[in-house]
Amino acid sequence: MDSTLINIECVDEIADAAGRKAEVAAITEAAMRGEISDYKESLRQRVALLKGVPVSALQEVLEQRLQFNPGAQQLVSSCQQAGLRTLLVSGGFTYFTDAVCARLGIEESRSNVLEVVDGRLTGRLVDQPWGDICDGQEKRRMLLQTCERLGLSAQQAIAVGDGANDLPMMGVAGLSVAYHAKPKVREQAHVAIETGGLDRLLELFES
């Protein structure tokens, strides 16, 4: 979701409310470039820096800063019209993925839950029935489980991402797409979109 379907890294924008955007953004950038091997620990570090941020700050990010990247709505709607099932797997947070799924009509999602007490973030994440944090391995697992449930091969799946934590998922998909991605991701993807919007992916199927 972050920097792929939408124009921001939500964790960085929340950190702005705590006056710690530069500190958190530096960790995010290193994680997305694949310079931090333990994504879960990098996310825990960033979330810990959000302690005390009011939920109202998340709402402000959602309403005032979050926008869809060019072509996102057209790509999702075109895929759905063609009978594809859409799935959003994110290392971000349910506060935002739920809203994005609702706006785009995406059927399923998996992401992380921020713990809130008395209207403020505690700096911790909430464990979920499937595990603790949606990292690269969880994204891969979710893609494979969804394909299996639908009676499909992973070779029939398309995975789009921009950061190193997308690589495990992209590695098992029949078509992997790097969208304005980090160098490590561009190198390993089947297709890279460097200019224009997400809807450029549709050009592959129109030719």
N, C-alpha and C. Protein backbone atom coordinates (compact mmCIF):
# COMPACT_ATOMS: atom_id res chain seq x y z
N MET A 1 0.82 -1.20 0.00
CA MET A 1 0.00 0.00 0.00
C MET A 1 0.86 1.26 0.00
N ASP A 2 1.69 1.42 1.03
CA ASP A 2 2.47 2.65 1.17
C ASP A 2 3.45 2.82 0.02
N SER A 3 3.39 3.96 -0.61
CA SER A 3 4.24 4.32 -1.75
C SER A 3 3.95 3.48 -2.99
N THR A 4 2.93 2.64 -2.94
CA THR A 4 2.53 1.87 -4.13
C THR A 4 1.10 2.27 -4.50
N LEU A 5 0.13 1.83 -3.74
CA LEU A 5 -1.24 2.29 -3.99
C LEU A 5 -1.43 3.74 -3.58
N ILE A 6 -0.74 4.15 -2.52
CA ILE A 6 -0.89 5.52 -2.02
C ILE A 6 0.44 6.26 -2.06
N ASN A 7 0.36 7.57 -1.89
CA ASN A 7 1.51 8.44 -2.13
C ASN A 7 2.43 8.62 -0.93
N ILE A 8 2.09 8.06 0.21
CA ILE A 8 2.87 8.32 1.43
C ILE A 8 3.26 7.02 2.12
N GLU A 9 4.20 7.14 3.06
CA GLU A 9 4.50 6.09 4.03
C GLU A 9 3.77 6.52 5.31
N CYS A 10 2.70 5.83 5.64
CA CYS A 10 1.84 6.28 6.74
C CYS A 10 2.59 6.41 8.06
N VAL A 11 3.49 5.47 8.34
CA VAL A 11 4.22 5.52 9.61
C VAL A 11 5.05 6.80 9.71
N ASP A 12 5.60 7.24 8.59
CA ASP A 12 6.40 8.48 8.60
C ASP A 12 5.52 9.69 8.88
N GLU A 13 4.32 9.69 8.30
CA GLU A 13 3.41 10.83 8.48
C GLU A 13 2.86 10.89 9.90
N ILE A 14 2.61 9.72 10.50
CA ILE A 14 2.18 9.70 11.90
C ILE A 14 3.30 10.24 12.78
N ALA A 15 4.52 9.84 12.46
CA ALA A 15 5.68 10.30 13.23
C ALA A 15 5.83 11.81 13.18
N ASP A 16 5.36 12.40 12.09
CA ASP A 16 5.43 13.86 11.97
C ASP A 16 4.68 14.53 13.12
N ALA A 17 3.57 13.89 13.54
CA ALA A 17 2.77 14.44 14.64
C ALA A 17 3.53 14.38 15.97
N ALA A 18 4.50 13.47 16.04
CA ALA A 18 5.29 13.33 17.26
C ALA A 18 6.62 14.09 17.15
N GLY A 19 6.81 14.80 16.04
CA GLY A 19 8.05 15.52 15.83
C GLY A 19 9.24 14.62 15.57
N ARG A 20 8.97 13.40 15.07
CA ARG A 20 10.05 12.43 14.88
C ARG A 20 10.05 11.88 13.45
N LYS A 21 9.57 12.66 12.51
CA LYS A 21 9.45 12.15 11.14
C LYS A 21 10.80 11.78 10.55
N ALA A 22 11.80 12.64 10.70
CA ALA A 22 13.10 12.37 10.09
C ALA A 22 13.70 11.07 10.62
N GLU A 23 13.57 10.87 11.92
CA GLU A 23 14.12 9.67 12.56
C GLU A 23 13.43 8.41 12.06
N VAL A 24 12.10 8.45 12.00
CA VAL A 24 11.33 7.29 11.55
C VAL A 24 11.51 7.06 10.05
N ALA A 25 11.50 8.14 9.27
CA ALA A 25 11.64 8.01 7.82
C ALA A 25 12.98 7.39 7.43
N ALA A 26 14.02 7.68 8.19
CA ALA A 26 15.33 7.11 7.91
C ALA A 26 15.31 5.59 8.08
N ILE A 27 14.61 5.12 9.11
CA ILE A 27 14.48 3.66 9.32
C ILE A 27 13.63 3.05 8.21
N THR A 28 12.54 3.72 7.85
CA THR A 28 11.67 3.23 6.77
C THR A 28 12.44 3.08 5.47
N GLU A 29 13.20 4.11 5.12
CA GLU A 29 13.97 4.09 3.87
C GLU A 29 14.98 2.94 3.86
N ALA A 30 15.67 2.76 4.98
CA ALA A 30 16.65 1.68 5.06
C ALA A 30 15.98 0.31 4.94
N ALA A 31 14.81 0.17 5.56
CA ALA A 31 14.08 -1.10 5.49
C ALA A 31 13.60 -1.38 4.08
N MET A 32 13.10 -0.36 3.40
CA MET A 32 12.57 -0.55 2.05
C MET A 32 13.68 -0.84 1.04
N ARG A 33 14.87 -0.31 1.31
CA ARG A 33 16.01 -0.55 0.43
C ARG A 33 16.65 -1.92 0.70
N GLY A 34 16.20 -2.59 1.75
CA GLY A 34 16.74 -3.90 2.08
C GLY A 34 18.01 -3.83 2.89
N GLU A 35 18.29 -2.66 3.48
CA GLU A 35 19.51 -2.48 4.26
C GLU A 35 19.32 -2.95 5.71
N ILE A 36 18.08 -3.17 6.12
CA ILE A 36 17.78 -3.72 7.44
C ILE A 36 17.19 -5.11 7.21
N SER A 37 17.86 -6.13 7.69
CA SER A 37 17.42 -7.50 7.39
C SER A 37 16.19 -7.91 8.19
N ASP A 38 16.03 -7.37 9.39
CA ASP A 38 14.91 -7.76 10.25
C ASP A 38 13.81 -6.71 10.15
N TYR A 39 12.87 -6.93 9.22
CA TYR A 39 11.80 -5.96 9.01
C TYR A 39 10.93 -5.80 10.25
N LYS A 40 10.65 -6.92 10.92
CA LYS A 40 9.79 -6.85 12.10
C LYS A 40 10.38 -5.94 13.16
N GLU A 41 11.68 -6.08 13.40
CA GLU A 41 12.31 -5.26 14.42
C GLU A 41 12.34 -3.80 13.98
N SER A 42 12.53 -3.55 12.71
CA SER A 42 12.54 -2.16 12.23
C SER A 42 11.17 -1.51 12.42
N LEU A 43 10.11 -2.30 12.22
CA LEU A 43 8.77 -1.76 12.40
C LEU A 43 8.49 -1.51 13.88
N ARG A 44 8.91 -2.44 14.73
CA ARG A 44 8.73 -2.24 16.17
C ARG A 44 9.43 -0.97 16.64
N GLN A 45 10.64 -0.74 16.12
CA GLN A 45 11.38 0.46 16.48
C GLN A 45 10.61 1.73 16.08
N ARG A 46 10.07 1.70 14.87
CA ARG A 46 9.35 2.88 14.39
C ARG A 46 8.06 3.11 15.17
N VAL A 47 7.33 2.03 15.43
CA VAL A 47 6.07 2.15 16.16
C VAL A 47 6.33 2.63 17.59
N ALA A 48 7.41 2.18 18.19
CA ALA A 48 7.74 2.62 19.55
C ALA A 48 7.91 4.13 19.61
N LEU A 49 8.41 4.72 18.53
CA LEU A 49 8.62 6.16 18.49
C LEU A 49 7.31 6.94 18.34
N LEU A 50 6.22 6.22 18.08
CA LEU A 50 4.90 6.85 17.93
C LEU A 50 4.13 6.93 19.24
N LYS A 51 4.71 6.42 20.31
CA LYS A 51 4.02 6.39 21.60
C LYS A 51 3.51 7.78 21.99
N GLY A 52 2.22 7.83 22.35
CA GLY A 52 1.62 9.08 22.79
C GLY A 52 0.92 9.86 21.71
N VAL A 53 1.10 9.47 20.46
CA VAL A 53 0.42 10.19 19.37
C VAL A 53 -1.08 9.93 19.46
N PRO A 54 -1.90 10.98 19.41
CA PRO A 54 -3.35 10.78 19.48
C PRO A 54 -3.91 10.18 18.19
N VAL A 55 -4.99 9.42 18.33
CA VAL A 55 -5.63 8.82 17.16
C VAL A 55 -6.09 9.90 16.18
N SER A 56 -6.39 11.07 16.69
CA SER A 56 -6.80 12.17 15.82
C SER A 56 -5.73 12.51 14.79
N ALA A 57 -4.46 12.26 15.12
CA ALA A 57 -3.37 12.50 14.17
C ALA A 57 -3.43 11.51 13.01
N LEU A 58 -3.85 10.28 13.29
CA LEU A 58 -4.02 9.29 12.22
C LEU A 58 -5.14 9.71 11.29
N GLN A 59 -6.22 10.22 11.89
CA GLN A 59 -7.35 10.67 11.08
C GLN A 59 -6.94 11.84 10.19
N GLU A 60 -6.08 12.70 10.72
CA GLU A 60 -5.60 13.84 9.94
C GLU A 60 -4.77 13.36 8.75
N VAL A 61 -3.91 12.37 8.98
CA VAL A 61 -3.12 11.80 7.88
C VAL A 61 -4.05 11.21 6.82
N LEU A 62 -5.05 10.49 7.28
CA LEU A 62 -5.99 9.84 6.36
C LEU A 62 -6.75 10.87 5.52
N GLU A 63 -7.20 11.92 6.15
CA GLU A 63 -8.05 12.90 5.47
C GLU A 63 -7.26 13.93 4.66
N GLN A 64 -6.07 14.30 5.14
CA GLN A 64 -5.37 15.43 4.54
C GLN A 64 -4.12 15.07 3.75
N ARG A 65 -3.53 13.92 4.01
CA ARG A 65 -2.26 13.60 3.35
C ARG A 65 -2.32 12.40 2.42
N LEU A 66 -3.16 11.44 2.76
CA LEU A 66 -3.21 10.21 1.98
C LEU A 66 -3.96 10.43 0.67
N GLN A 67 -3.29 10.14 -0.43
CA GLN A 67 -3.91 10.20 -1.75
C GLN A 67 -3.51 8.94 -2.52
N PHE A 68 -4.36 8.54 -3.45
CA PHE A 68 -4.00 7.40 -4.29
C PHE A 68 -2.96 7.83 -5.30
N ASN A 69 -2.03 6.94 -5.58
CA ASN A 69 -1.07 7.21 -6.62
C ASN A 69 -1.77 7.20 -7.98
N PRO A 70 -1.22 7.89 -8.97
CA PRO A 70 -1.85 7.94 -10.29
C PRO A 70 -2.12 6.54 -10.83
N GLY A 71 -3.31 6.34 -11.35
CA GLY A 71 -3.66 5.08 -11.97
C GLY A 71 -4.09 3.98 -11.02
N ALA A 72 -4.03 4.22 -9.72
CA ALA A 72 -4.36 3.16 -8.76
C ALA A 72 -5.81 2.72 -8.89
N GLN A 73 -6.71 3.70 -8.92
CA GLN A 73 -8.13 3.35 -9.00
C GLN A 73 -8.47 2.67 -10.32
N GLN A 74 -7.86 3.14 -11.41
CA GLN A 74 -8.14 2.53 -12.70
C GLN A 74 -7.61 1.11 -12.78
N LEU A 75 -6.41 0.88 -12.22
CA LEU A 75 -5.85 -0.47 -12.24
C LEU A 75 -6.72 -1.44 -11.46
N VAL A 76 -7.10 -1.06 -10.25
CA VAL A 76 -7.91 -1.96 -9.41
C VAL A 76 -9.26 -2.23 -10.05
N SER A 77 -9.92 -1.19 -10.54
CA SER A 77 -11.25 -1.39 -11.14
C SER A 77 -11.16 -2.23 -12.41
N SER A 78 -10.12 -2.03 -13.20
CA SER A 78 -9.96 -2.82 -14.43
C SER A 78 -9.71 -4.28 -14.12
N CYS A 79 -8.91 -4.53 -13.10
CA CYS A 79 -8.66 -5.92 -12.69
C CYS A 79 -9.95 -6.59 -12.21
N GLN A 80 -10.71 -5.86 -11.43
CA GLN A 80 -11.96 -6.42 -10.91
C GLN A 80 -12.96 -6.67 -12.04
N GLN A 81 -13.01 -5.76 -13.00
CA GLN A 81 -13.91 -5.94 -14.14
C GLN A 81 -13.52 -7.16 -14.97
N ALA A 82 -12.23 -7.48 -14.96
CA ALA A 82 -11.74 -8.64 -15.70
C ALA A 82 -11.90 -9.94 -14.92
N GLY A 83 -12.44 -9.84 -13.69
CA GLY A 83 -12.69 -11.03 -12.90
C GLY A 83 -11.58 -11.41 -11.95
N LEU A 84 -10.57 -10.54 -11.82
CA LEU A 84 -9.49 -10.83 -10.88
C LEU A 84 -9.93 -10.48 -9.46
N ARG A 85 -9.38 -11.22 -8.51
CA ARG A 85 -9.62 -10.91 -7.10
C ARG A 85 -8.47 -10.06 -6.60
N THR A 86 -8.78 -8.99 -5.88
CA THR A 86 -7.73 -8.08 -5.44
C THR A 86 -7.47 -8.26 -3.94
N LEU A 87 -6.19 -8.21 -3.59
CA LEU A 87 -5.73 -8.47 -2.24
C LEU A 87 -4.70 -7.41 -1.87
N LEU A 88 -4.87 -6.79 -0.71
CA LEU A 88 -3.93 -5.80 -0.22
C LEU A 88 -3.18 -6.36 0.98
N VAL A 89 -1.88 -6.55 0.83
CA VAL A 89 -1.05 -6.99 1.95
C VAL A 89 -0.04 -5.88 2.22
N SER A 90 0.05 -5.46 3.47
CA SER A 90 0.82 -4.27 3.78
C SER A 90 1.55 -4.39 5.10
N GLY A 91 2.76 -3.85 5.13
CA GLY A 91 3.48 -3.71 6.39
C GLY A 91 3.00 -2.49 7.16
N GLY A 92 1.98 -1.82 6.63
CA GLY A 92 1.38 -0.67 7.30
C GLY A 92 0.30 -1.08 8.28
N PHE A 93 -0.68 -0.22 8.45
CA PHE A 93 -1.61 -0.38 9.56
C PHE A 93 -3.07 -0.45 9.11
N THR A 94 -3.85 -1.25 9.85
CA THR A 94 -5.25 -1.45 9.49
C THR A 94 -6.05 -0.14 9.47
N TYR A 95 -5.62 0.83 10.27
CA TYR A 95 -6.33 2.12 10.28
C TYR A 95 -6.42 2.68 8.87
N PHE A 96 -5.37 2.45 8.08
CA PHE A 96 -5.32 2.99 6.72
C PHE A 96 -5.74 1.95 5.68
N THR A 97 -5.32 0.69 5.86
CA THR A 97 -5.68 -0.31 4.87
C THR A 97 -7.19 -0.52 4.80
N ASP A 98 -7.87 -0.44 5.94
CA ASP A 98 -9.33 -0.59 5.93
C ASP A 98 -9.99 0.51 5.10
N ALA A 99 -9.49 1.73 5.24
CA ALA A 99 -10.06 2.85 4.49
C ALA A 99 -9.75 2.72 3.01
N VAL A 100 -8.53 2.32 2.68
CA VAL A 100 -8.13 2.16 1.28
C VAL A 100 -8.95 1.05 0.61
N CYS A 101 -9.11 -0.07 1.32
CA CYS A 101 -9.91 -1.17 0.76
C CYS A 101 -11.35 -0.74 0.52
N ALA A 102 -11.91 0.01 1.47
CA ALA A 102 -13.29 0.47 1.32
C ALA A 102 -13.44 1.38 0.11
N ARG A 103 -12.47 2.26 -0.08
CA ARG A 103 -12.56 3.22 -1.19
C ARG A 103 -12.36 2.55 -2.55
N LEU A 104 -11.51 1.53 -2.60
CA LEU A 104 -11.20 0.89 -3.87
C LEU A 104 -12.01 -0.38 -4.12
N GLY A 105 -12.73 -0.84 -3.10
CA GLY A 105 -13.49 -2.07 -3.27
C GLY A 105 -12.61 -3.32 -3.25
N ILE A 106 -11.46 -3.24 -2.59
CA ILE A 106 -10.57 -4.39 -2.49
C ILE A 106 -11.15 -5.39 -1.49
N GLU A 107 -11.18 -6.67 -1.90
CA GLU A 107 -11.93 -7.68 -1.15
C GLU A 107 -11.26 -8.13 0.14
N GLU A 108 -9.93 -8.19 0.15
CA GLU A 108 -9.23 -8.74 1.31
C GLU A 108 -7.99 -7.92 1.62
N SER A 109 -7.58 -7.95 2.88
CA SER A 109 -6.34 -7.27 3.25
C SER A 109 -5.70 -7.95 4.45
N ARG A 110 -4.44 -7.68 4.61
CA ARG A 110 -3.72 -8.10 5.81
C ARG A 110 -2.70 -7.02 6.13
N SER A 111 -2.72 -6.54 7.36
CA SER A 111 -1.78 -5.50 7.78
C SER A 111 -1.70 -5.51 9.30
N ASN A 112 -1.08 -4.52 9.87
CA ASN A 112 -0.77 -4.51 11.30
C ASN A 112 -1.71 -3.61 12.10
N VAL A 113 -1.93 -3.97 13.36
CA VAL A 113 -2.86 -3.24 14.22
C VAL A 113 -2.07 -2.44 15.26
N LEU A 114 -2.27 -1.14 15.26
CA LEU A 114 -1.65 -0.28 16.27
C LEU A 114 -2.45 -0.36 17.57
N GLU A 115 -1.77 -0.54 18.68
CA GLU A 115 -2.46 -0.58 19.97
C GLU A 115 -2.80 0.85 20.41
N VAL A 116 -4.04 1.03 20.83
CA VAL A 116 -4.53 2.34 21.27
C VAL A 116 -5.12 2.20 22.67
N VAL A 117 -4.72 3.09 23.57
CA VAL A 117 -5.29 3.14 24.92
C VAL A 117 -5.61 4.60 25.22
N ASP A 118 -6.86 4.82 25.63
CA ASP A 118 -7.30 6.19 25.96
C ASP A 118 -7.06 7.17 24.83
N GLY A 119 -7.29 6.69 23.60
CA GLY A 119 -7.21 7.59 22.45
C GLY A 119 -5.81 7.92 21.98
N ARG A 120 -4.81 7.20 22.51
CA ARG A 120 -3.42 7.48 22.09
C ARG A 120 -2.69 6.17 21.77
N LEU A 121 -1.73 6.25 20.88
CA LEU A 121 -0.92 5.08 20.55
C LEU A 121 -0.01 4.73 21.72
N THR A 122 0.12 3.44 21.97
CA THR A 122 0.97 2.98 23.07
C THR A 122 2.41 2.75 22.63
N GLY A 123 2.65 2.74 21.32
CA GLY A 123 3.98 2.42 20.81
C GLY A 123 4.16 0.93 20.60
N ARG A 124 3.04 0.19 20.65
CA ARG A 124 3.10 -1.26 20.44
C ARG A 124 2.09 -1.68 19.38
N LEU A 125 2.31 -2.89 18.85
CA LEU A 125 1.39 -3.51 17.89
C LEU A 125 0.61 -4.62 18.58
N VAL A 126 -0.57 -4.90 18.08
CA VAL A 126 -1.44 -5.94 18.65
C VAL A 126 -1.27 -7.21 17.85
N ASP A 127 -0.98 -8.32 18.53
CA ASP A 127 -0.90 -9.62 17.86
C ASP A 127 -2.27 -9.97 17.27
N GLN A 128 -2.25 -10.68 16.15
CA GLN A 128 -3.47 -11.09 15.48
C GLN A 128 -3.51 -12.61 15.37
N PRO A 129 -4.65 -13.20 15.03
CA PRO A 129 -4.75 -14.66 14.98
C PRO A 129 -3.71 -15.32 14.06
N TRP A 130 -3.33 -14.62 12.99
CA TRP A 130 -2.38 -15.19 12.04
C TRP A 130 -0.92 -14.94 12.42
N GLY A 131 -0.66 -14.06 13.40
CA GLY A 131 0.72 -13.78 13.78
C GLY A 131 0.88 -12.38 14.35
N ASP A 132 2.12 -11.93 14.43
CA ASP A 132 2.37 -10.64 15.07
C ASP A 132 2.48 -9.48 14.09
N ILE A 133 3.31 -9.63 13.04
CA ILE A 133 3.57 -8.52 12.12
C ILE A 133 3.50 -9.01 10.68
N CYS A 134 2.88 -8.22 9.82
CA CYS A 134 2.82 -8.54 8.39
C CYS A 134 4.12 -8.06 7.75
N ASP A 135 5.07 -8.98 7.63
CA ASP A 135 6.34 -8.66 6.99
C ASP A 135 6.39 -9.33 5.62
N GLY A 136 7.56 -9.42 5.03
CA GLY A 136 7.67 -10.01 3.70
C GLY A 136 7.22 -11.45 3.65
N GLN A 137 7.56 -12.24 4.65
CA GLN A 137 7.16 -13.65 4.66
C GLN A 137 5.65 -13.80 4.83
N GLU A 138 5.04 -12.92 5.60
CA GLU A 138 3.59 -12.98 5.77
C GLU A 138 2.88 -12.57 4.48
N LYS A 139 3.43 -11.59 3.77
CA LYS A 139 2.86 -11.22 2.47
C LYS A 139 2.90 -12.41 1.52
N ARG A 140 4.03 -13.10 1.49
CA ARG A 140 4.16 -14.28 0.64
C ARG A 140 3.16 -15.35 1.04
N ARG A 141 3.04 -15.60 2.34
CA ARG A 141 2.12 -16.62 2.85
C ARG A 141 0.68 -16.28 2.47
N MET A 142 0.33 -15.01 2.61
CA MET A 142 -1.04 -14.58 2.30
C MET A 142 -1.36 -14.75 0.82
N LEU A 143 -0.41 -14.42 -0.03
CA LEU A 143 -0.63 -14.61 -1.46
C LEU A 143 -0.83 -16.10 -1.79
N LEU A 144 0.03 -16.95 -1.24
CA LEU A 144 -0.08 -18.38 -1.50
C LEU A 144 -1.37 -18.96 -0.95
N GLN A 145 -1.74 -18.56 0.26
CA GLN A 145 -2.98 -19.07 0.87
C GLN A 145 -4.21 -18.64 0.07
N THR A 146 -4.20 -17.40 -0.40
CA THR A 146 -5.33 -16.90 -1.18
C THR A 146 -5.45 -17.66 -2.49
N CYS A 147 -4.32 -17.88 -3.15
CA CYS A 147 -4.35 -18.64 -4.41
C CYS A 147 -4.87 -20.05 -4.17
N GLU A 148 -4.39 -20.68 -3.11
CA GLU A 148 -4.83 -22.05 -2.81
C GLU A 148 -6.33 -22.09 -2.54
N ARG A 149 -6.81 -21.12 -1.79
CA ARG A 149 -8.24 -21.08 -1.48
C ARG A 149 -9.10 -20.88 -2.74
N LEU A 150 -8.56 -20.14 -3.69
CA LEU A 150 -9.29 -19.88 -4.93
C LEU A 150 -9.06 -20.95 -5.99
N GLY A 151 -8.25 -21.95 -5.65
CA GLY A 151 -7.97 -23.02 -6.61
C GLY A 151 -7.06 -22.58 -7.73
N LEU A 152 -6.15 -21.65 -7.43
CA LEU A 152 -5.25 -21.11 -8.43
C LEU A 152 -3.81 -21.45 -8.11
N SER A 153 -2.99 -21.40 -9.12
CA SER A 153 -1.54 -21.48 -8.93
C SER A 153 -1.01 -20.09 -8.67
N ALA A 154 0.04 -19.99 -7.88
CA ALA A 154 0.68 -18.69 -7.66
C ALA A 154 1.19 -18.10 -8.96
N GLN A 155 1.42 -18.97 -9.96
CA GLN A 155 1.84 -18.48 -11.27
C GLN A 155 0.75 -17.68 -11.97
N GLN A 156 -0.47 -17.77 -11.45
CA GLN A 156 -1.59 -16.99 -12.01
C GLN A 156 -1.78 -15.66 -11.28
N ALA A 157 -0.91 -15.39 -10.31
CA ALA A 157 -1.03 -14.17 -9.51
C ALA A 157 -0.10 -13.08 -10.04
N ILE A 158 -0.53 -11.84 -9.83
CA ILE A 158 0.28 -10.66 -10.13
C ILE A 158 0.56 -9.97 -8.80
N ALA A 159 1.82 -9.69 -8.53
CA ALA A 159 2.20 -9.00 -7.29
C ALA A 159 2.90 -7.70 -7.63
N VAL A 160 2.44 -6.62 -7.00
CA VAL A 160 3.00 -5.29 -7.25
C VAL A 160 3.59 -4.76 -5.95
N GLY A 161 4.80 -4.23 -6.00
CA GLY A 161 5.40 -3.68 -4.79
C GLY A 161 6.51 -2.70 -5.12
N ASP A 162 7.07 -2.13 -4.05
CA ASP A 162 8.14 -1.14 -4.26
C ASP A 162 9.33 -1.33 -3.32
N GLY A 163 9.14 -2.11 -2.24
CA GLY A 163 10.19 -2.21 -1.23
C GLY A 163 10.67 -3.64 -1.03
N ALA A 164 11.78 -3.77 -0.29
CA ALA A 164 12.39 -5.08 -0.09
C ALA A 164 11.46 -6.06 0.59
N ASN A 165 10.54 -5.59 1.43
CA ASN A 165 9.64 -6.51 2.11
C ASN A 165 8.56 -7.06 1.17
N ASP A 166 8.54 -6.58 -0.07
CA ASP A 166 7.63 -7.15 -1.07
C ASP A 166 8.27 -8.30 -1.85
N LEU A 167 9.57 -8.45 -1.76
CA LEU A 167 10.28 -9.42 -2.60
C LEU A 167 9.85 -10.87 -2.36
N PRO A 168 9.64 -11.33 -1.12
CA PRO A 168 9.20 -12.72 -0.95
C PRO A 168 7.87 -12.99 -1.67
N MET A 169 6.94 -12.05 -1.61
CA MET A 169 5.65 -12.18 -2.30
C MET A 169 5.84 -12.13 -3.81
N MET A 170 6.64 -11.18 -4.27
CA MET A 170 6.86 -11.03 -5.70
C MET A 170 7.58 -12.24 -6.28
N GLY A 171 8.40 -12.89 -5.45
CA GLY A 171 9.18 -14.02 -5.92
C GLY A 171 8.39 -15.25 -6.27
N VAL A 172 7.18 -15.38 -5.72
CA VAL A 172 6.36 -16.57 -6.00
C VAL A 172 5.25 -16.29 -7.00
N ALA A 173 5.05 -15.02 -7.36
CA ALA A 173 3.98 -14.66 -8.29
C ALA A 173 4.40 -14.91 -9.74
N GLY A 174 3.42 -15.21 -10.56
CA GLY A 174 3.70 -15.42 -11.98
C GLY A 174 4.18 -14.16 -12.67
N LEU A 175 3.70 -13.01 -12.20
CA LEU A 175 4.14 -11.73 -12.74
C LEU A 175 4.42 -10.79 -11.57
N SER A 176 5.65 -10.33 -11.45
CA SER A 176 6.01 -9.39 -10.40
C SER A 176 6.28 -8.02 -11.02
N VAL A 177 5.74 -7.00 -10.38
CA VAL A 177 5.80 -5.64 -10.93
C VAL A 177 6.40 -4.70 -9.89
N ALA A 178 7.48 -4.04 -10.24
CA ALA A 178 8.10 -3.03 -9.39
C ALA A 178 7.56 -1.66 -9.78
N TYR A 179 6.96 -0.97 -8.82
CA TYR A 179 6.38 0.35 -9.12
C TYR A 179 7.21 1.44 -8.45
N HIS A 180 7.88 2.26 -9.26
CA HIS A 180 8.75 3.32 -8.74
C HIS A 180 9.52 2.79 -7.53
N ALA A 181 10.17 1.66 -7.75
CA ALA A 181 10.67 0.84 -6.64
C ALA A 181 12.14 1.12 -6.33
N LYS A 182 12.56 0.56 -5.19
CA LYS A 182 13.96 0.60 -4.78
C LYS A 182 14.78 -0.25 -5.75
N PRO A 183 16.07 0.08 -5.93
CA PRO A 183 16.90 -0.64 -6.91
C PRO A 183 16.87 -2.16 -6.75
N LYS A 184 16.94 -2.63 -5.52
CA LYS A 184 16.94 -4.08 -5.27
C LYS A 184 15.68 -4.75 -5.80
N VAL A 185 14.56 -4.03 -5.73
CA VAL A 185 13.27 -4.57 -6.18
C VAL A 185 13.18 -4.53 -7.71
N ARG A 186 13.63 -3.43 -8.29
CA ARG A 186 13.62 -3.32 -9.75
C ARG A 186 14.43 -4.43 -10.39
N GLU A 187 15.57 -4.75 -9.78
CA GLU A 187 16.45 -5.77 -10.34
C GLU A 187 15.79 -7.15 -10.40
N GLN A 188 14.91 -7.44 -9.45
CA GLN A 188 14.35 -8.79 -9.34
C GLN A 188 12.95 -8.93 -9.94
N ALA A 189 12.31 -7.83 -10.26
CA ALA A 189 10.94 -7.89 -10.79
C ALA A 189 10.94 -8.25 -12.28
N HIS A 190 9.84 -8.86 -12.72
CA HIS A 190 9.68 -9.14 -14.14
C HIS A 190 9.47 -7.85 -14.94
N VAL A 191 8.73 -6.93 -14.35
CA VAL A 191 8.37 -5.67 -15.02
C VAL A 191 8.60 -4.53 -14.05
N ALA A 192 9.11 -3.41 -14.54
CA ALA A 192 9.30 -2.23 -13.70
C ALA A 192 8.61 -1.04 -14.33
N ILE A 193 7.78 -0.36 -13.54
CA ILE A 193 7.14 0.88 -13.98
C ILE A 193 7.95 2.02 -13.39
N GLU A 194 8.64 2.75 -14.25
CA GLU A 194 9.52 3.83 -13.81
C GLU A 194 8.89 5.20 -14.02
N THR A 195 8.03 5.31 -15.01
CA THR A 195 7.35 6.57 -15.30
C THR A 195 5.86 6.31 -15.41
N GLY A 196 5.06 7.32 -15.08
CA GLY A 196 3.62 7.17 -15.17
C GLY A 196 3.02 6.47 -13.98
N GLY A 197 1.74 6.13 -14.10
CA GLY A 197 1.00 5.59 -12.98
C GLY A 197 0.87 4.08 -13.00
N LEU A 198 0.17 3.57 -11.99
CA LEU A 198 -0.04 2.12 -11.87
C LEU A 198 -0.82 1.55 -13.05
N ASP A 199 -1.65 2.37 -13.67
CA ASP A 199 -2.44 1.88 -14.79
C ASP A 199 -1.58 1.51 -16.00
N ARG A 200 -0.30 1.88 -15.99
CA ARG A 200 0.58 1.46 -17.07
C ARG A 200 0.70 -0.06 -17.12
N LEU A 201 0.45 -0.73 -16.02
CA LEU A 201 0.48 -2.19 -16.01
C LEU A 201 -0.53 -2.75 -17.00
N LEU A 202 -1.62 -2.03 -17.20
CA LEU A 202 -2.66 -2.51 -18.12
C LEU A 202 -2.16 -2.60 -19.54
N GLU A 203 -1.11 -1.87 -19.86
CA GLU A 203 -0.57 -1.90 -21.23
C GLU A 203 -0.09 -3.31 -21.60
N LEU A 204 0.34 -4.07 -20.60
CA LEU A 204 0.81 -5.44 -20.87
C LEU A 204 -0.31 -6.32 -21.44
N PHE A 205 -1.53 -6.00 -21.04
CA PHE A 205 -2.66 -6.85 -21.41
C PHE A 205 -3.46 -6.30 -22.57
N GLU A 206 -3.11 -5.10 -22.98
CA GLU A 206 -3.83 -4.47 -24.09
C GLU A 206 -3.13 -4.68 -25.42
N SER A 207 -1.85 -5.04 -25.36
CA SER A 207 -1.08 -5.19 -26.61
C SER A 207 -1.37 -6.54 -27.27
